């Protein structure tokens, strides 16, 4: 499994500006994710629809309460050591590119 650990991404979007902390972990051989938005006090629901591992990239789709109608977000995260480059295709916003760094955890 790739990308295991906690990753920190600075965000500046119309919906949220701040830091996204994303923990990627192994849940009995399946990828699982725990996002946190420190300082955000609103509701943050999400559902992972699919995950695919290819080389050093995780890609998939998810829905979130931030997007009206729960339209899917397409996401690809490419891991290189303690860095992660992510590209999300977000409905109503378009393509968002962010770079993150590893905070803690294991994996490759």
C-alpha atoms as a PDB file:
ATOM      1  CA  UNK A   1       0.000   0.000   0.000  1.00  0.00           C
ATOM      2  CA  UNK A   2       1.248   3.491  -0.810  1.00  0.00           C
ATOM      3  CA  UNK A   3       0.804   6.847   0.900  1.00  0.00           C
ATOM      4  CA  UNK A   4       0.127   5.497   4.385  1.00  0.00           C
ATOM      5  CA  UNK A   5       0.424   8.169   7.074  1.00  0.00           C
ATOM      6  CA  UNK A   6      -0.810  11.695   7.693  1.00  0.00           C
ATOM      7  CA  UNK A   7      -0.450  14.296   4.976  1.00  0.00           C
ATOM      8  CA  UNK A   8      -0.852  18.066   5.301  1.00  0.00           C
ATOM      9  CA  UNK A   9      -2.188  20.145   2.395  1.00  0.00           C
ATOM     10  CA  UNK A  10      -2.587  23.955   2.436  1.00  0.00           C
ATOM     11  CA  UNK A  11      -5.894  24.857   0.739  1.00  0.00           C
ATOM     12  CA  UNK A  12      -7.294  28.089  -0.599  1.00  0.00           C
ATOM     13  CA  UNK A  13     -10.632  27.524  -2.321  1.00  0.00           C
ATOM     14  CA  UNK A  14     -13.949  29.387  -2.397  1.00  0.00           C
ATOM     15  CA  UNK A  15     -15.320  26.802   0.051  1.00  0.00           C
ATOM     16  CA  UNK A  16     -12.432  26.537   2.519  1.00  0.00           C
ATOM     17  CA  UNK A  17      -9.079  28.176   3.206  1.00  0.00           C
ATOM     18  CA  UNK A  18      -6.797  26.525   5.698  1.00  0.00           C
ATOM     19  CA  UNK A  19      -5.121  23.173   6.126  1.00  0.00           C
ATOM     20  CA  UNK A  20      -6.419  19.742   5.213  1.00  0.00           C
ATOM     21  CA  UNK A  21      -4.919  16.898   7.229  1.00  0.00           C
ATOM     22  CA  UNK A  22      -5.512  13.592   5.481  1.00  0.00           C
ATOM     23  CA  UNK A  23      -4.638  10.307   7.133  1.00  0.00           C
ATOM     24  CA  UNK A  24      -4.343   7.359   4.759  1.00  0.00           C
ATOM     25  CA  UNK A  25      -4.434   3.978   6.479  1.00  0.00           C
ATOM     26  CA  UNK A  26      -4.810   0.256   5.897  1.00  0.00           C
ATOM     27  CA  UNK A  27      -8.186  -1.105   6.988  1.00  0.00           C
ATOM     28  CA  UNK A  28      -7.856  -4.883   6.583  1.00  0.00           C
ATOM     29  CA  UNK A  29      -6.195  -4.608   3.167  1.00  0.00           C
ATOM     30  CA  UNK A  30      -8.400  -1.755   1.923  1.00  0.00           C
ATOM     31  CA  UNK A  31      -7.489   1.914   1.781  1.00  0.00           C
ATOM     32  CA  UNK A  32      -9.282   4.105   4.284  1.00  0.00           C
ATOM     33  CA  UNK A  33      -9.084   7.859   4.786  1.00  0.00           C
ATOM     34  CA  UNK A  34      -9.655  10.261   7.664  1.00  0.00           C
ATOM     35  CA  UNK A  35      -9.734  13.938   6.618  1.00  0.00           C
ATOM     36  CA  UNK A  36      -9.548  16.719   9.203  1.00  0.00           C
ATOM     37  CA  UNK A  37      -9.998  20.450   8.728  1.00  0.00           C
ATOM     38  CA  UNK A  38      -8.524  22.127  11.834  1.00  0.00           C
ATOM     39  CA  UNK A  39     -10.397  25.344  12.602  1.00  0.00           C
ATOM     40  CA  UNK A  40     -13.465  24.403  10.539  1.00  0.00           C
ATOM     41  CA  UNK A  41     -16.553  24.053  12.738  1.00  0.00           C
ATOM     42  CA  UNK A  42     -19.136  23.141  10.102  1.00  0.00           C
ATOM     43  CA  UNK A  43     -20.394  19.771   8.963  1.00  0.00           C
ATOM     44  CA  UNK A  44     -17.960  17.793   6.835  1.00  0.00           C
ATOM     45  CA  UNK A  45     -19.445  14.566   5.520  1.00  0.00           C
ATOM     46  CA  UNK A  46     -17.717  12.518   2.845  1.00  0.00           C
ATOM     47  CA  UNK A  47     -17.972   9.149   1.130  1.00  0.00           C
ATOM     48  CA  UNK A  48     -15.201   7.416  -0.808  1.00  0.00           C
ATOM     49  CA  UNK A  49     -16.755   5.872  -3.919  1.00  0.00           C
ATOM     50  CA  UNK A  50     -13.676   4.215  -5.429  1.00  0.00           C
ATOM     51  CA  UNK A  51      -9.906   3.900  -4.948  1.00  0.00           C
ATOM     52  CA  UNK A  52      -7.330   2.629  -7.434  1.00  0.00           C
ATOM     53  CA  UNK A  53      -3.598   2.140  -6.846  1.00  0.00           C
ATOM     54  CA  UNK A  54      -1.306   2.449  -9.843  1.00  0.00           C
ATOM     55  CA  UNK A  55       2.447   2.780  -9.300  1.00  0.00           C
ATOM     56  CA  UNK A  56       2.939   5.614  -6.794  1.00  0.00           C
ATOM     57  CA  UNK A  57      -0.505   7.153  -7.477  1.00  0.00           C
ATOM     58  CA  UNK A  58      -3.819   6.684  -5.696  1.00  0.00           C
ATOM     59  CA  UNK A  59      -6.838   7.823  -7.668  1.00  0.00           C
ATOM     60  CA  UNK A  60     -10.548   7.627  -7.169  1.00  0.00           C
ATOM     61  CA  UNK A  61     -13.810   9.421  -6.591  1.00  0.00           C
ATOM     62  CA  UNK A  62     -15.508  10.788  -3.513  1.00  0.00           C
ATOM     63  CA  UNK A  63     -18.446  12.933  -2.536  1.00  0.00           C
ATOM     64  CA  UNK A  64     -18.485  15.590   0.159  1.00  0.00           C
ATOM     65  CA  UNK A  65     -21.008  17.832   1.851  1.00  0.00           C
ATOM     66  CA  UNK A  66     -19.039  20.826   0.483  1.00  0.00           C
ATOM     67  CA  UNK A  67     -20.345  20.147  -3.046  1.00  0.00           C
ATOM     68  CA  UNK A  68     -24.081  20.663  -3.613  1.00  0.00           C
ATOM     69  CA  UNK A  69     -25.903  17.581  -4.846  1.00  0.00           C
ATOM     70  CA  UNK A  70     -22.974  15.407  -3.756  1.00  0.00           C
ATOM     71  CA  UNK A  71     -21.517  15.435  -7.258  1.00  0.00           C
ATOM     72  CA  UNK A  72     -18.356  13.275  -7.335  1.00  0.00           C
ATOM     73  CA  UNK A  73     -14.884  14.742  -7.050  1.00  0.00           C
ATOM     74  CA  UNK A  74     -12.186  12.948  -9.049  1.00  0.00           C
ATOM     75  CA  UNK A  75      -8.882  12.879  -7.191  1.00  0.00           C
ATOM     76  CA  UNK A  76      -5.346  11.661  -7.962  1.00  0.00           C
ATOM     77  CA  UNK A  77      -2.550  11.748  -5.374  1.00  0.00           C
ATOM     78  CA  UNK A  78       1.016  10.976  -6.441  1.00  0.00           C
ATOM     79  CA  UNK A  79       3.459  10.163  -3.639  1.00  0.00           C
ATOM     80  CA  UNK A  80       7.218  10.810  -3.803  1.00  0.00           C
ATOM     81  CA  UNK A  81       8.909  10.167  -0.453  1.00  0.00           C
ATOM     82  CA  UNK A  82       7.566  12.721   2.029  1.00  0.00           C
ATOM     83  CA  UNK A  83       5.760  14.773  -0.651  1.00  0.00           C
ATOM     84  CA  UNK A  84       2.388  14.353  -2.336  1.00  0.00           C
ATOM     85  CA  UNK A  85       1.086  16.130  -5.425  1.00  0.00           C
ATOM     86  CA  UNK A  86      -2.705  16.013  -5.662  1.00  0.00           C
ATOM     87  CA  UNK A  87      -5.025  17.002  -8.483  1.00  0.00           C
ATOM     88  CA  UNK A  88      -8.772  17.170  -7.916  1.00  0.00           C
ATOM     89  CA  UNK A  89     -11.463  17.796 -10.505  1.00  0.00           C
ATOM     90  CA  UNK A  90     -14.083  19.541  -8.395  1.00  0.00           C
ATOM     91  CA  UNK A  91     -17.593  20.252  -9.722  1.00  0.00           C
ATOM     92  CA  UNK A  92     -18.386  23.999  -9.862  1.00  0.00           C
ATOM     93  CA  UNK A  93     -14.735  24.889  -9.126  1.00  0.00           C
ATOM     94  CA  UNK A  94     -12.676  23.045 -11.744  1.00  0.00           C
ATOM     95  CA  UNK A  95      -9.212  21.545 -11.443  1.00  0.00           C
ATOM     96  CA  UNK A  96      -7.452  22.156  -8.138  1.00  0.00           C
ATOM     97  CA  UNK A  97      -3.761  21.304  -7.659  1.00  0.00           C
ATOM     98  CA  UNK A  98      -2.213  21.116  -4.202  1.00  0.00           C
ATOM     99  CA  UNK A  99       1.074  19.886  -2.810  1.00  0.00           C
ATOM    100  CA  UNK A 100       1.314  18.276   0.580  1.00  0.00           C
ATOM    101  CA  UNK A 101       3.948  16.976   2.944  1.00  0.00           C
ATOM    102  CA  UNK A 102       3.987  13.956   5.177  1.00  0.00           C
ATOM    103  CA  UNK A 103       3.442  14.674   8.838  1.00  0.00           C
ATOM    104  CA  UNK A 104       3.674  11.209  10.358  1.00  0.00           C
ATOM    105  CA  UNK A 105       3.032   7.522   9.752  1.00  0.00           C
ATOM    106  CA  UNK A 106       4.454   4.705   7.694  1.00  0.00           C
ATOM    107  CA  UNK A 107       4.146   3.316   4.234  1.00  0.00           C
ATOM    108  CA  UNK A 108       6.153   3.965   1.138  1.00  0.00           C
END
